[in-house]
């Protein structure tokens, strides 16, 4: 039987047990543990933090040992889906993306397929934002132009109505019976 007489050793062992003996339970903790173990080259430990369906996708190519990881805001879309803003500094260049987590057997697990897709889409993020800004700009300009378009359409409608009224009046005028009728075939 193990006998621990020193309180320092007991506290040290207790901390080790807490750090390595317990599984992380929050999306933030799972995300942190996943990326840290991957950065440390512990591939199998990283895979235990991912969904069963995506474990085979995890490789050491996704991060290097010099990467610094920081975790940001967590968004829970429901009780089974979460997004954790993750920043990995590679070669002094921050890469920010959402780590996607799912509840699997009552534990949060990284959906590495969706997370990897988020990382792959990063170069297009600027393009998407530019298109959104362009759409917003066009919408604003169209909203500004609508009153002018409405005024011009109303003016055109009034002018058309006046012309139709004049045409209607000209049709109602009696024709002079003494005026010779022109025939289409005569010159």
C-alpha atoms as a PDB file:
ATOM      1  CA  UNK A   1       0.000   0.000   0.000  1.00  0.00           C
ATOM      2  CA  UNK A   2       1.224   3.489  -0.904  1.00  0.00           C
ATOM      3  CA  UNK A   3       1.861   5.783   2.027  1.00  0.00           C
ATOM      4  CA  UNK A   4       2.277   9.509   1.344  1.00  0.00           C
ATOM      5  CA  UNK A   5       3.603  11.346   4.351  1.00  0.00           C
ATOM      6  CA  UNK A   6       4.647  14.646   2.826  1.00  0.00           C
ATOM      7  CA  UNK A   7       1.840  17.175   2.160  1.00  0.00           C
ATOM      8  CA  UNK A   8       3.883  18.652  -0.705  1.00  0.00           C
ATOM      9  CA  UNK A   9       4.018  15.315  -2.495  1.00  0.00           C
ATOM     10  CA  UNK A  10       0.305  14.801  -1.844  1.00  0.00           C
ATOM     11  CA  UNK A  11      -0.588  18.207  -3.324  1.00  0.00           C
ATOM     12  CA  UNK A  12       1.715  17.586  -6.294  1.00  0.00           C
ATOM     13  CA  UNK A  13       0.156  14.199  -7.013  1.00  0.00           C
ATOM     14  CA  UNK A  14      -3.319  15.681  -6.585  1.00  0.00           C
ATOM     15  CA  UNK A  15      -2.531  18.383  -9.166  1.00  0.00           C
ATOM     16  CA  UNK A  16      -1.139  15.804 -11.598  1.00  0.00           C
ATOM     17  CA  UNK A  17      -4.301  13.758 -11.127  1.00  0.00           C
ATOM     18  CA  UNK A  18      -6.459  16.792 -11.805  1.00  0.00           C
ATOM     19  CA  UNK A  19      -4.505  17.826 -14.884  1.00  0.00           C
ATOM     20  CA  UNK A  20      -4.112  14.432 -16.504  1.00  0.00           C
ATOM     21  CA  UNK A  21      -6.581  12.157 -14.812  1.00  0.00           C
ATOM     22  CA  UNK A  22      -9.725  14.097 -15.612  1.00  0.00           C
ATOM     23  CA  UNK A  23     -11.111  14.793 -19.011  1.00  0.00           C
ATOM     24  CA  UNK A  24     -11.864  18.425 -19.858  1.00  0.00           C
ATOM     25  CA  UNK A  25     -15.573  19.145 -19.631  1.00  0.00           C
ATOM     26  CA  UNK A  26     -16.090  22.559 -21.232  1.00  0.00           C
ATOM     27  CA  UNK A  27     -15.717  23.500 -24.902  1.00  0.00           C
ATOM     28  CA  UNK A  28     -12.855  25.849 -23.960  1.00  0.00           C
ATOM     29  CA  UNK A  29     -11.000  23.162 -22.020  1.00  0.00           C
ATOM     30  CA  UNK A  30     -11.426  20.559 -24.754  1.00  0.00           C
ATOM     31  CA  UNK A  31     -10.271  23.019 -27.422  1.00  0.00           C
ATOM     32  CA  UNK A  32      -7.233  24.052 -25.378  1.00  0.00           C
ATOM     33  CA  UNK A  33      -6.253  20.473 -24.603  1.00  0.00           C
ATOM     34  CA  UNK A  34      -6.729  19.366 -28.208  1.00  0.00           C
ATOM     35  CA  UNK A  35      -4.507  22.067 -29.716  1.00  0.00           C
ATOM     36  CA  UNK A  36      -1.908  21.926 -26.927  1.00  0.00           C
ATOM     37  CA  UNK A  37      -1.451  18.158 -27.144  1.00  0.00           C
ATOM     38  CA  UNK A  38      -1.257  18.401 -30.929  1.00  0.00           C
ATOM     39  CA  UNK A  39       1.391  21.160 -30.673  1.00  0.00           C
ATOM     40  CA  UNK A  40       3.350  18.960 -28.269  1.00  0.00           C
ATOM     41  CA  UNK A  41       3.319  16.138 -30.814  1.00  0.00           C
ATOM     42  CA  UNK A  42       0.976  13.956 -28.761  1.00  0.00           C
ATOM     43  CA  UNK A  43      -1.125  12.751 -31.677  1.00  0.00           C
ATOM     44  CA  UNK A  44      -2.992   9.998 -29.831  1.00  0.00           C
ATOM     45  CA  UNK A  45      -3.856  12.307 -26.918  1.00  0.00           C
ATOM     46  CA  UNK A  46      -5.162  14.864 -29.425  1.00  0.00           C
ATOM     47  CA  UNK A  47      -7.333  12.272 -31.122  1.00  0.00           C
ATOM     48  CA  UNK A  48      -9.061  11.483 -27.819  1.00  0.00           C
ATOM     49  CA  UNK A  49     -10.387  15.068 -27.884  1.00  0.00           C
ATOM     50  CA  UNK A  50     -12.018  14.641 -31.311  1.00  0.00           C
ATOM     51  CA  UNK A  51     -15.210  12.961 -32.471  1.00  0.00           C
ATOM     52  CA  UNK A  52     -14.922   9.291 -33.399  1.00  0.00           C
ATOM     53  CA  UNK A  53     -15.750  10.099 -37.014  1.00  0.00           C
ATOM     54  CA  UNK A  54     -12.923  12.639 -37.395  1.00  0.00           C
ATOM     55  CA  UNK A  55     -10.054  11.081 -35.418  1.00  0.00           C
ATOM     56  CA  UNK A  56      -8.483   9.639 -38.570  1.00  0.00           C
ATOM     57  CA  UNK A  57      -8.150  13.157 -40.038  1.00  0.00           C
ATOM     58  CA  UNK A  58      -5.891  14.513 -37.287  1.00  0.00           C
ATOM     59  CA  UNK A  59      -2.191  14.718 -38.180  1.00  0.00           C
ATOM     60  CA  UNK A  60       0.809  16.532 -36.804  1.00  0.00           C
ATOM     61  CA  UNK A  61       0.940  18.605 -40.028  1.00  0.00           C
ATOM     62  CA  UNK A  62      -1.871  20.818 -38.701  1.00  0.00           C
ATOM     63  CA  UNK A  63       0.322  22.587 -36.135  1.00  0.00           C
ATOM     64  CA  UNK A  64       3.960  22.809 -35.124  1.00  0.00           C
ATOM     65  CA  UNK A  65       5.628  22.770 -31.743  1.00  0.00           C
ATOM     66  CA  UNK A  66       6.435  26.486 -31.942  1.00  0.00           C
ATOM     67  CA  UNK A  67       2.798  27.492 -32.268  1.00  0.00           C
ATOM     68  CA  UNK A  68       1.157  29.499 -29.533  1.00  0.00           C
ATOM     69  CA  UNK A  69      -2.523  28.838 -28.922  1.00  0.00           C
ATOM     70  CA  UNK A  70      -5.073  31.183 -27.441  1.00  0.00           C
ATOM     71  CA  UNK A  71      -8.757  30.591 -26.952  1.00  0.00           C
ATOM     72  CA  UNK A  72     -11.396  33.290 -27.305  1.00  0.00           C
ATOM     73  CA  UNK A  73     -15.167  33.559 -27.196  1.00  0.00           C
ATOM     74  CA  UNK A  74     -17.371  30.489 -27.029  1.00  0.00           C
ATOM     75  CA  UNK A  75     -20.704  30.306 -28.804  1.00  0.00           C
ATOM     76  CA  UNK A  76     -23.142  27.561 -27.871  1.00  0.00           C
ATOM     77  CA  UNK A  77     -25.713  27.142 -30.628  1.00  0.00           C
ATOM     78  CA  UNK A  78     -27.547  24.561 -28.559  1.00  0.00           C
ATOM     79  CA  UNK A  79     -26.641  21.952 -25.972  1.00  0.00           C
ATOM     80  CA  UNK A  80     -24.813  19.822 -28.567  1.00  0.00           C
ATOM     81  CA  UNK A  81     -22.896  22.325 -30.733  1.00  0.00           C
ATOM     82  CA  UNK A  82     -20.257  24.889 -29.836  1.00  0.00           C
ATOM     83  CA  UNK A  83     -17.799  27.186 -31.596  1.00  0.00           C
ATOM     84  CA  UNK A  84     -14.622  28.326 -29.887  1.00  0.00           C
ATOM     85  CA  UNK A  85     -12.638  31.191 -31.408  1.00  0.00           C
ATOM     86  CA  UNK A  86      -9.106  29.862 -31.671  1.00  0.00           C
ATOM     87  CA  UNK A  87      -5.932  31.720 -32.571  1.00  0.00           C
ATOM     88  CA  UNK A  88      -2.744  29.891 -33.428  1.00  0.00           C
ATOM     89  CA  UNK A  89       0.406  31.950 -33.936  1.00  0.00           C
ATOM     90  CA  UNK A  90       2.551  30.316 -36.601  1.00  0.00           C
ATOM     91  CA  UNK A  91       5.830  32.032 -37.402  1.00  0.00           C
ATOM     92  CA  UNK A  92       4.572  35.193 -35.678  1.00  0.00           C
ATOM     93  CA  UNK A  93       1.476  35.235 -37.916  1.00  0.00           C
ATOM     94  CA  UNK A  94      -1.828  34.804 -36.088  1.00  0.00           C
ATOM     95  CA  UNK A  95      -4.389  32.522 -37.688  1.00  0.00           C
ATOM     96  CA  UNK A  96      -7.874  32.864 -36.179  1.00  0.00           C
ATOM     97  CA  UNK A  97     -10.692  30.423 -36.875  1.00  0.00           C
ATOM     98  CA  UNK A  98     -13.545  28.625 -35.111  1.00  0.00           C
ATOM     99  CA  UNK A  99     -12.894  25.237 -33.553  1.00  0.00           C
ATOM    100  CA  UNK A 100     -16.150  23.311 -33.888  1.00  0.00           C
ATOM    101  CA  UNK A 101     -17.247  21.033 -31.050  1.00  0.00           C
ATOM    102  CA  UNK A 102     -20.054  18.505 -30.779  1.00  0.00           C
ATOM    103  CA  UNK A 103     -21.429  16.600 -27.834  1.00  0.00           C
ATOM    104  CA  UNK A 104     -20.588  12.941 -28.240  1.00  0.00           C
ATOM    105  CA  UNK A 105     -21.641  10.560 -25.460  1.00  0.00           C
ATOM    106  CA  UNK A 106     -22.167  13.524 -23.087  1.00  0.00           C
ATOM    107  CA  UNK A 107     -18.641  14.877 -23.689  1.00  0.00           C
ATOM    108  CA  UNK A 108     -17.508  17.783 -25.812  1.00  0.00           C
ATOM    109  CA  UNK A 109     -15.362  16.646 -28.742  1.00  0.00           C
ATOM    110  CA  UNK A 110     -13.673  18.576 -31.544  1.00  0.00           C
ATOM    111  CA  UNK A 111     -15.319  18.040 -34.929  1.00  0.00           C
ATOM    112  CA  UNK A 112     -12.007  18.108 -36.740  1.00  0.00           C
ATOM    113  CA  UNK A 113     -13.510  17.843 -40.235  1.00  0.00           C
ATOM    114  CA  UNK A 114     -15.521  21.053 -39.796  1.00  0.00           C
ATOM    115  CA  UNK A 115     -12.678  22.767 -37.926  1.00  0.00           C
ATOM    116  CA  UNK A 116     -10.253  21.881 -40.714  1.00  0.00           C
ATOM    117  CA  UNK A 117     -12.739  23.279 -43.270  1.00  0.00           C
ATOM    118  CA  UNK A 118     -12.863  26.534 -41.261  1.00  0.00           C
ATOM    119  CA  UNK A 119      -9.067  26.741 -41.366  1.00  0.00           C
ATOM    120  CA  UNK A 120      -9.007  26.011 -45.117  1.00  0.00           C
ATOM    121  CA  UNK A 121     -11.585  28.748 -45.800  1.00  0.00           C
ATOM    122  CA  UNK A 122      -9.477  31.423 -44.112  1.00  0.00           C
ATOM    123  CA  UNK A 123      -7.860  32.748 -47.339  1.00  0.00           C
ATOM    124  CA  UNK A 124     -11.356  33.354 -48.740  1.00  0.00           C
ATOM    125  CA  UNK A 125     -12.523  35.190 -45.623  1.00  0.00           C
ATOM    126  CA  UNK A 126     -11.311  38.536 -46.984  1.00  0.00           C
ATOM    127  CA  UNK A 127     -13.071  37.954 -50.290  1.00  0.00           C
ATOM    128  CA  UNK A 128     -16.330  37.096 -48.535  1.00  0.00           C
ATOM    129  CA  UNK A 129     -16.093  40.222 -46.377  1.00  0.00           C
ATOM    130  CA  UNK A 130     -15.371  42.340 -49.464  1.00  0.00           C
ATOM    131  CA  UNK A 131     -18.434  40.936 -51.207  1.00  0.00           C
ATOM    132  CA  UNK A 132     -20.544  41.603 -48.116  1.00  0.00           C
ATOM    133  CA  UNK A 133     -19.277  45.202 -48.010  1.00  0.00           C
ATOM    134  CA  UNK A 134     -20.013  45.626 -51.723  1.00  0.00           C
ATOM    135  CA  UNK A 135     -23.537  44.288 -51.197  1.00  0.00           C
ATOM    136  CA  UNK A 136     -24.063  46.643 -48.258  1.00  0.00           C
ATOM    137  CA  UNK A 137     -22.800  49.590 -50.321  1.00  0.00           C
ATOM    138  CA  UNK A 138     -25.077  48.749 -53.257  1.00  0.00           C
ATOM    139  CA  UNK A 139     -28.049  48.331 -50.927  1.00  0.00           C
ATOM    140  CA  UNK A 140     -27.372  51.717 -49.345  1.00  0.00           C
ATOM    141  CA  UNK A 141     -27.052  53.457 -52.717  1.00  0.00           C
ATOM    142  CA  UNK A 142     -30.253  51.799 -53.954  1.00  0.00           C
ATOM    143  CA  UNK A 143     -32.104  52.885 -50.812  1.00  0.00           C
ATOM    144  CA  UNK A 144     -30.870  56.439 -51.375  1.00  0.00           C
ATOM    145  CA  UNK A 145     -31.975  56.351 -55.044  1.00  0.00           C
ATOM    146  CA  UNK A 146     -35.469  54.906 -54.454  1.00  0.00           C
ATOM    147  CA  UNK A 147     -37.164  58.253 -53.612  1.00  0.00           C
ATOM    148  CA  UNK A 148     -35.740  59.849 -56.789  1.00  0.00           C
ATOM    149  CA  UNK A 149     -36.831  56.852 -58.881  1.00  0.00           C
ATOM    150  CA  UNK A 150     -40.329  57.048 -57.356  1.00  0.00           C
ATOM    151  CA  UNK A 151     -40.577  60.788 -58.182  1.00  0.00           C
ATOM    152  CA  UNK A 152     -39.448  60.254 -61.767  1.00  0.00           C
ATOM    153  CA  UNK A 153     -41.843  57.339 -62.244  1.00  0.00           C
ATOM    154  CA  UNK A 154     -44.704  59.450 -60.872  1.00  0.00           C
ATOM    155  CA  UNK A 155     -43.747  62.294 -63.220  1.00  0.00           C
ATOM    156  CA  UNK A 156     -43.590  59.918 -66.194  1.00  0.00           C
ATOM    157  CA  UNK A 157     -46.957  58.447 -65.179  1.00  0.00           C
ATOM    158  CA  UNK A 158     -48.534  61.914 -65.019  1.00  0.00           C
ATOM    159  CA  UNK A 159     -47.072  62.860 -68.403  1.00  0.00           C
ATOM    160  CA  UNK A 160     -48.329  59.609 -69.946  1.00  0.00           C
ATOM    161  CA  UNK A 161     -51.786  60.214 -68.455  1.00  0.00           C
ATOM    162  CA  UNK A 162     -51.856  63.745 -69.946  1.00  0.00           C
ATOM    163  CA  UNK A 163     -50.840  62.426 -73.363  1.00  0.00           C
ATOM    164  CA  UNK A 164     -53.510  59.727 -73.212  1.00  0.00           C
ATOM    165  CA  UNK A 165     -56.131  62.313 -72.207  1.00  0.00           C
ATOM    166  CA  UNK A 166     -55.124  64.508 -75.177  1.00  0.00           C
ATOM    167  CA  UNK A 167     -55.240  61.511 -77.498  1.00  0.00           C
ATOM    168  CA  UNK A 168     -58.684  60.560 -76.145  1.00  0.00           C
ATOM    169  CA  UNK A 169     -59.946  64.099 -76.712  1.00  0.00           C
ATOM    170  CA  UNK A 170     -58.634  64.087 -80.278  1.00  0.00           C
ATOM    171  CA  UNK A 171     -60.550  60.889 -80.992  1.00  0.00           C
ATOM    172  CA  UNK A 172     -63.777  62.408 -79.665  1.00  0.00           C
ATOM    173  CA  UNK A 173     -63.576  65.546 -81.860  1.00  0.00           C
ATOM    174  CA  UNK A 174     -66.076  65.401 -84.711  1.00  0.00           C
ATOM    175  CA  UNK A 175     -64.486  65.354 -88.109  1.00  0.00           C
ATOM    176  CA  UNK A 176     -65.325  68.001 -90.653  1.00  0.00           C
ATOM    177  CA  UNK A 177     -67.724  66.358 -93.150  1.00  0.00           C
ATOM    178  CA  UNK A 178     -66.550  68.701 -95.934  1.00  0.00           C
ATOM    179  CA  UNK A 179     -62.977  67.610 -95.570  1.00  0.00           C
ATOM    180  CA  UNK A 180     -62.100  65.019 -98.194  1.00  0.00           C
ATOM    181  CA  UNK A 181     -61.135  61.669 -96.858  1.00  0.00           C
ATOM    182  CA  UNK A 182     -57.761  60.509 -97.851  1.00  0.00           C
ATOM    183  CA  UNK A 183     -57.451  57.083 -99.354  1.00  0.00           C
ATOM    184  CA  UNK A 184     -54.381  55.013 -98.596  1.00  0.00           C
ATOM    185  CA  UNK A 185     -53.869  54.146-102.272  1.00  0.00           C
ATOM    186  CA  UNK A 186     -54.036  57.656-103.658  1.00  0.00           C
ATOM    187  CA  UNK A 187     -51.172  59.994-104.017  1.00  0.00           C
END
